[in-house]
Amino acid sequence: MDTQQKTGTPYPDIPALVENDEREYRDPGIVSTVAILGHPLHPLLVTLPIAFLVALAVTDVVYWLNRDPFWARASFWLVVAGFVTTLPAAITGLSDFLKIDRVRKRTAGLAHLVLNITIIVLTGINLFLRMNNITGAILPTGIIMSVIVATLLGLSGWYGAELVYRHKIAVIGNSSRSEP
């Protein structure tokens, strides 16, 4: 593992997990392509699907433990809300991916994109399976899918945080979107 020394704190360079570029530490950052008064919308919009889809895993587990149909109905509405709210979050994130060179040049950018597409597809399938079978679709397929999605959300969040905090993407800055 290669480490670079910056003001007394070592920053690891572990490709696929953590990539460092010394130029980015001195860079003021790149503004998101979808922002209001410089404030990026993607980080704001992702909070809803994260909350709904993590809660979905919880309500599926509670249904599994007690078989109360209330929890199945709660799970159904959480998967609906989770799927619907992934769409604006995905659109704003995709805009940054397509229009900011630095996002596409980092492993974190591609990993974040692929994980989020996987999350949307799995959530859509999960929703489809529950449409006419709210209680029957939970065990075992629905609960497995919701736990996988919640796990993937954690991984995607890691890579999203790498883009923001390490690579200074979608922050209030004045760097060109076409810079490395």
C-alpha atoms as a PDB file:
ATOM      1  CA  MET A   1       0.000   0.000   0.000  1.00  0.00           C
ATOM      2  CA  ASP A   2       1.418   3.319  -1.098  1.00  0.00           C
ATOM      3  CA  THR A   3       0.937   6.229   1.272  1.00  0.00           C
ATOM      4  CA  GLN A   4       1.499   9.860   0.545  1.00  0.00           C
ATOM      5  CA  GLN A   5       2.426  12.256   3.317  1.00  0.00           C
ATOM      6  CA  LYS A   6       0.280  15.412   3.458  1.00  0.00           C
ATOM      7  CA  THR A   7       0.657  17.838   6.354  1.00  0.00           C
ATOM      8  CA  GLY A   8       1.599  15.036   8.705  1.00  0.00           C
ATOM      9  CA  THR A   9      -1.379  12.773   7.900  1.00  0.00           C
ATOM     10  CA  PRO A  10      -0.876   9.699   5.678  1.00  0.00           C
ATOM     11  CA  TYR A  11      -3.454   9.201   2.936  1.00  0.00           C
ATOM     12  CA  PRO A  12      -3.518   5.636   1.598  1.00  0.00           C
ATOM     13  CA  ASP A  13      -3.688   4.936  -2.098  1.00  0.00           C
ATOM     14  CA  ILE A  14      -5.592   1.659  -2.471  1.00  0.00           C
ATOM     15  CA  PRO A  15      -6.880   1.418  -6.054  1.00  0.00           C
ATOM     16  CA  ALA A  16     -10.554   0.438  -6.334  1.00  0.00           C
ATOM     17  CA  LEU A  17     -11.223   1.688  -2.798  1.00  0.00           C
ATOM     18  CA  VAL A  18      -9.257   4.900  -2.339  1.00  0.00           C
ATOM     19  CA  GLU A  19      -7.540   6.826  -5.123  1.00  0.00           C
ATOM     20  CA  ASN A  20      -5.470   9.897  -4.385  1.00  0.00           C
ATOM     21  CA  ASP A  21      -4.410  12.675  -6.685  1.00  0.00           C
ATOM     22  CA  GLU A  22      -2.304  15.339  -4.986  1.00  0.00           C
ATOM     23  CA  ARG A  23      -3.616  18.024  -7.369  1.00  0.00           C
ATOM     24  CA  GLU A  24      -7.129  17.506  -5.993  1.00  0.00           C
ATOM     25  CA  TYR A  25      -6.028  18.355  -2.440  1.00  0.00           C
ATOM     26  CA  ARG A  26      -5.090  21.865  -3.568  1.00  0.00           C
ATOM     27  CA  ASP A  27      -8.119  22.168  -5.843  1.00  0.00           C
ATOM     28  CA  PRO A  28     -11.109  24.174  -4.531  1.00  0.00           C
ATOM     29  CA  GLY A  29     -13.507  21.652  -6.106  1.00  0.00           C
ATOM     30  CA  ILE A  30     -15.973  21.266  -8.949  1.00  0.00           C
ATOM     31  CA  VAL A  31     -19.557  22.468  -8.737  1.00  0.00           C
ATOM     32  CA  SER A  32     -22.284  19.938  -9.517  1.00  0.00           C
ATOM     33  CA  THR A  33     -24.033  20.164 -12.879  1.00  0.00           C
ATOM     34  CA  VAL A  34     -27.410  20.184 -11.107  1.00  0.00           C
ATOM     35  CA  ALA A  35     -27.287  22.809  -8.386  1.00  0.00           C
ATOM     36  CA  ILE A  36     -29.283  25.682  -6.988  1.00  0.00           C
ATOM     37  CA  LEU A  37     -27.127  28.679  -6.079  1.00  0.00           C
ATOM     38  CA  GLY A  38     -24.107  26.378  -6.178  1.00  0.00           C
ATOM     39  CA  HIS A  39     -25.665  23.851  -3.785  1.00  0.00           C
ATOM     40  CA  PRO A  40     -25.711  20.381  -5.404  1.00  0.00           C
ATOM     41  CA  LEU A  41     -29.088  18.619  -5.511  1.00  0.00           C
ATOM     42  CA  HIS A  42     -27.858  15.016  -5.783  1.00  0.00           C
ATOM     43  CA  PRO A  43     -26.677  14.760  -2.138  1.00  0.00           C
ATOM     44  CA  LEU A  44     -30.016  16.209  -1.024  1.00  0.00           C
ATOM     45  CA  LEU A  45     -32.100  13.885  -3.205  1.00  0.00           C
ATOM     46  CA  VAL A  46     -30.314  10.650  -2.258  1.00  0.00           C
ATOM     47  CA  THR A  47     -31.425  10.925   1.373  1.00  0.00           C
ATOM     48  CA  LEU A  48     -34.988   9.833   0.557  1.00  0.00           C
ATOM     49  CA  PRO A  49     -34.295   6.582  -1.326  1.00  0.00           C
ATOM     50  CA  ILE A  50     -31.629   5.675   1.219  1.00  0.00           C
ATOM     51  CA  ALA A  51     -34.092   6.130   4.072  1.00  0.00           C
ATOM     52  CA  PHE A  52     -36.936   4.306   2.312  1.00  0.00           C
ATOM     53  CA  LEU A  53     -34.836   1.367   1.111  1.00  0.00           C
ATOM     54  CA  VAL A  54     -33.009   0.800   4.404  1.00  0.00           C
ATOM     55  CA  ALA A  55     -36.363   0.983   6.229  1.00  0.00           C
ATOM     56  CA  LEU A  56     -37.695  -1.551   3.688  1.00  0.00           C
ATOM     57  CA  ALA A  57     -35.085  -4.072   4.801  1.00  0.00           C
ATOM     58  CA  VAL A  58     -36.072  -3.446   8.421  1.00  0.00           C
ATOM     59  CA  THR A  59     -39.818  -3.857   7.808  1.00  0.00           C
ATOM     60  CA  ASP A  60     -39.191  -7.031   5.779  1.00  0.00           C
ATOM     61  CA  VAL A  61     -37.224  -8.493   8.688  1.00  0.00           C
ATOM     62  CA  VAL A  62     -39.956  -7.492  11.148  1.00  0.00           C
ATOM     63  CA  TYR A  63     -42.566  -9.152   8.888  1.00  0.00           C
ATOM     64  CA  TRP A  64     -40.416 -12.285   8.741  1.00  0.00           C
ATOM     65  CA  LEU A  65     -40.254 -12.365  12.559  1.00  0.00           C
ATOM     66  CA  ASN A  66     -43.948 -11.781  13.328  1.00  0.00           C
ATOM     67  CA  ARG A  67     -45.907 -12.343  10.049  1.00  0.00           C
ATOM     68  CA  ASP A  68     -48.134  -9.327  10.789  1.00  0.00           C
ATOM     69  CA  PRO A  69     -49.572  -8.082   7.435  1.00  0.00           C
ATOM     70  CA  PHE A  70     -49.139  -4.489   8.648  1.00  0.00           C
ATOM     71  CA  TRP A  71     -45.382  -4.847   8.102  1.00  0.00           C
ATOM     72  CA  ALA A  72     -45.925  -6.296   4.631  1.00  0.00           C
ATOM     73  CA  ARG A  73     -48.057  -3.277   3.695  1.00  0.00           C
ATOM     74  CA  ALA A  74     -45.430  -0.954   5.183  1.00  0.00           C
ATOM     75  CA  SER A  75     -42.772  -2.742   3.115  1.00  0.00           C
ATOM     76  CA  PHE A  76     -44.847  -2.361  -0.031  1.00  0.00           C
ATOM     77  CA  TRP A  77     -45.195   1.413   0.386  1.00  0.00           C
ATOM     78  CA  LEU A  78     -41.523   1.743   1.287  1.00  0.00           C
ATOM     79  CA  VAL A  79     -40.462  -0.064  -1.900  1.00  0.00           C
ATOM     80  CA  VAL A  80     -42.815   2.178  -3.921  1.00  0.00           C
ATOM     81  CA  ALA A  81     -41.411   5.330  -2.302  1.00  0.00           C
ATOM     82  CA  GLY A  82     -37.858   4.006  -2.585  1.00  0.00           C
ATOM     83  CA  PHE A  83     -38.213   3.284  -6.293  1.00  0.00           C
ATOM     84  CA  VAL A  84     -39.927   6.582  -7.131  1.00  0.00           C
ATOM     85  CA  THR A  85     -37.347   8.660  -5.234  1.00  0.00           C
ATOM     86  CA  THR A  86     -34.374   6.856  -6.811  1.00  0.00           C
ATOM     87  CA  LEU A  87     -35.283   8.363 -10.164  1.00  0.00           C
ATOM     88  CA  PRO A  88     -34.573  12.074  -9.491  1.00  0.00           C
ATOM     89  CA  ALA A  89     -31.512  11.104  -7.446  1.00  0.00           C
ATOM     90  CA  ALA A  90     -30.271   8.978 -10.359  1.00  0.00           C
ATOM     91  CA  ILE A  91     -30.914  11.692 -12.937  1.00  0.00           C
ATOM     92  CA  THR A  92     -28.936  14.311 -11.007  1.00  0.00           C
ATOM     93  CA  GLY A  93     -26.102  11.862 -10.330  1.00  0.00           C
ATOM     94  CA  LEU A  94     -25.996  10.749 -13.961  1.00  0.00           C
ATOM     95  CA  SER A  95     -25.756  14.381 -15.051  1.00  0.00           C
ATOM     96  CA  ASP A  96     -22.628  14.836 -12.932  1.00  0.00           C
ATOM     97  CA  PHE A  97     -21.190  11.548 -14.209  1.00  0.00           C
ATOM     98  CA  LEU A  98     -21.693  12.517 -17.855  1.00  0.00           C
ATOM     99  CA  LYS A  99     -20.649  16.171 -17.609  1.00  0.00           C
ATOM    100  CA  ILE A 100     -17.750  16.148 -15.109  1.00  0.00           C
ATOM    101  CA  ASP A 101     -14.571  14.536 -16.439  1.00  0.00           C
ATOM    102  CA  ARG A 102     -13.131  13.923 -12.986  1.00  0.00           C
ATOM    103  CA  VAL A 103     -16.076  11.688 -12.034  1.00  0.00           C
ATOM    104  CA  ARG A 104     -15.575   9.432 -15.051  1.00  0.00           C
ATOM    105  CA  LYS A 105     -11.805   9.238 -14.512  1.00  0.00           C
ATOM    106  CA  ARG A 106     -12.106   7.871 -10.972  1.00  0.00           C
ATOM    107  CA  THR A 107     -12.890   4.289 -10.025  1.00  0.00           C
ATOM    108  CA  ALA A 108     -15.230   5.710  -7.391  1.00  0.00           C
ATOM    109  CA  GLY A 109     -17.330   7.377 -10.105  1.00  0.00           C
ATOM    110  CA  LEU A 110     -17.873   4.196 -12.113  1.00  0.00           C
ATOM    111  CA  ALA A 111     -18.403   2.062  -8.991  1.00  0.00           C
ATOM    112  CA  HIS A 112     -20.968   4.561  -7.658  1.00  0.00           C
ATOM    113  CA  LEU A 113     -22.802   4.535 -11.006  1.00  0.00           C
ATOM    114  CA  VAL A 114     -22.853   0.741 -11.392  1.00  0.00           C
ATOM    115  CA  LEU A 115     -23.950   0.184  -7.785  1.00  0.00           C
ATOM    116  CA  ASN A 116     -26.766   2.711  -8.138  1.00  0.00           C
ATOM    117  CA  ILE A 117     -28.008   1.211 -11.398  1.00  0.00           C
ATOM    118  CA  THR A 118     -27.992  -2.198  -9.696  1.00  0.00           C
ATOM    119  CA  ILE A 119     -29.943  -0.741  -6.755  1.00  0.00           C
ATOM    120  CA  ILE A 120     -32.570   0.770  -9.070  1.00  0.00           C
ATOM    121  CA  VAL A 121     -32.981  -2.459 -11.067  1.00  0.00           C
ATOM    122  CA  LEU A 122     -33.240  -4.656  -7.952  1.00  0.00           C
ATOM    123  CA  THR A 123     -35.699  -2.221  -6.357  1.00  0.00           C
ATOM    124  CA  GLY A 124     -37.812  -2.205  -9.530  1.00  0.00           C
ATOM    125  CA  ILE A 125     -37.871  -6.015  -9.595  1.00  0.00           C
ATOM    126  CA  ASN A 126     -38.704  -6.101  -5.885  1.00  0.00           C
ATOM    127  CA  LEU A 127     -41.578  -3.675  -6.465  1.00  0.00           C
ATOM    128  CA  PHE A 128     -42.872  -5.665  -9.447  1.00  0.00           C
ATOM    129  CA  LEU A 129     -42.869  -8.908  -7.442  1.00  0.00           C
ATOM    130  CA  ARG A 130     -44.896  -7.271  -4.648  1.00  0.00           C
ATOM    131  CA  MET A 131     -47.498  -5.579  -6.874  1.00  0.00           C
ATOM    132  CA  ASN A 132     -50.194  -8.246  -6.577  1.00  0.00           C
ATOM    133  CA  ASN A 133     -48.712 -10.298  -3.762  1.00  0.00           C
ATOM    134  CA  ILE A 134     -47.826  -7.961  -0.906  1.00  0.00           C
ATOM    135  CA  THR A 135     -47.307 -10.613   1.769  1.00  0.00           C
ATOM    136  CA  GLY A 136     -46.277 -13.567  -0.386  1.00  0.00           C
ATOM    137  CA  ALA A 137     -43.420 -11.817  -2.174  1.00  0.00           C
ATOM    138  CA  ILE A 138     -41.490 -10.992   0.994  1.00  0.00           C
ATOM    139  CA  LEU A 139     -40.330 -14.479   1.930  1.00  0.00           C
ATOM    140  CA  PRO A 140     -37.773 -15.334   0.806  1.00  0.00           C
ATOM    141  CA  THR A 141     -37.179 -13.268  -2.373  1.00  0.00           C
ATOM    142  CA  GLY A 142     -38.283  -9.828  -1.163  1.00  0.00           C
ATOM    143  CA  ILE A 143     -36.323  -9.895   2.074  1.00  0.00           C
ATOM    144  CA  ILE A 144     -33.182 -11.133   0.310  1.00  0.00           C
ATOM    145  CA  MET A 145     -33.450  -8.387  -2.291  1.00  0.00           C
ATOM    146  CA  SER A 146     -34.136  -5.661   0.268  1.00  0.00           C
ATOM    147  CA  VAL A 147     -31.149  -6.704   2.417  1.00  0.00           C
ATOM    148  CA  ILE A 148     -28.907  -6.826  -0.675  1.00  0.00           C
ATOM    149  CA  VAL A 149     -30.122  -3.352  -1.714  1.00  0.00           C
ATOM    150  CA  ALA A 150     -29.487  -1.943   1.775  1.00  0.00           C
ATOM    151  CA  THR A 151     -25.960  -3.373   1.663  1.00  0.00           C
ATOM    152  CA  LEU A 152     -25.332  -1.979  -1.823  1.00  0.00           C
ATOM    153  CA  LEU A 153     -26.534   1.429  -0.609  1.00  0.00           C
ATOM    154  CA  GLY A 154     -23.772   1.383   1.990  1.00  0.00           C
ATOM    155  CA  LEU A 155     -21.144   0.550  -0.627  1.00  0.00           C
ATOM    156  CA  SER A 156     -22.492   3.156  -3.036  1.00  0.00           C
ATOM    157  CA  GLY A 157     -22.463   5.725  -0.242  1.00  0.00           C
ATOM    158  CA  TRP A 158     -18.782   4.976   0.369  1.00  0.00           C
ATOM    159  CA  TYR A 159     -17.942   5.703  -3.258  1.00  0.00           C
ATOM    160  CA  GLY A 160     -20.187   8.776  -3.344  1.00  0.00           C
ATOM    161  CA  ALA A 161     -18.383  10.133  -0.283  1.00  0.00           C
ATOM    162  CA  GLU A 162     -15.042   9.424  -1.988  1.00  0.00           C
ATOM    163  CA  LEU A 163     -16.155  11.579  -4.922  1.00  0.00           C
ATOM    164  CA  VAL A 164     -17.214  14.466  -2.702  1.00  0.00           C
ATOM    165  CA  TYR A 165     -14.655  14.464   0.085  1.00  0.00           C
ATOM    166  CA  ARG A 166     -11.536  13.078  -1.592  1.00  0.00           C
ATOM    167  CA  HIS A 167     -12.016  14.221  -5.197  1.00  0.00           C
ATOM    168  CA  LYS A 168     -13.948  17.417  -4.396  1.00  0.00           C
ATOM    169  CA  ILE A 169     -16.786  16.831  -6.828  1.00  0.00           C
ATOM    170  CA  ALA A 170     -20.130  18.589  -6.310  1.00  0.00           C
ATOM    171  CA  VAL A 171     -18.728  21.047  -3.824  1.00  0.00           C
ATOM    172  CA  ILE A 172     -18.740  24.816  -3.961  1.00  0.00           C
ATOM    173  CA  GLY A 173     -15.603  25.493  -5.973  1.00  0.00           C
ATOM    174  CA  ASN A 174     -14.447  27.121  -9.163  1.00  0.00           C
ATOM    175  CA  SER A 175     -12.488  24.436 -11.019  1.00  0.00           C
ATOM    176  CA  SER A 176     -13.337  23.513 -14.595  1.00  0.00           C
ATOM    177  CA  ARG A 177     -15.496  20.413 -15.128  1.00  0.00           C
ATOM    178  CA  SER A 178     -13.061  19.303 -17.854  1.00  0.00           C
ATOM    179  CA  GLU A 179      -9.991  19.226 -15.585  1.00  0.00           C
ATOM    180  CA  PRO A 180      -8.535  15.916 -14.339  1.00  0.00           C
END
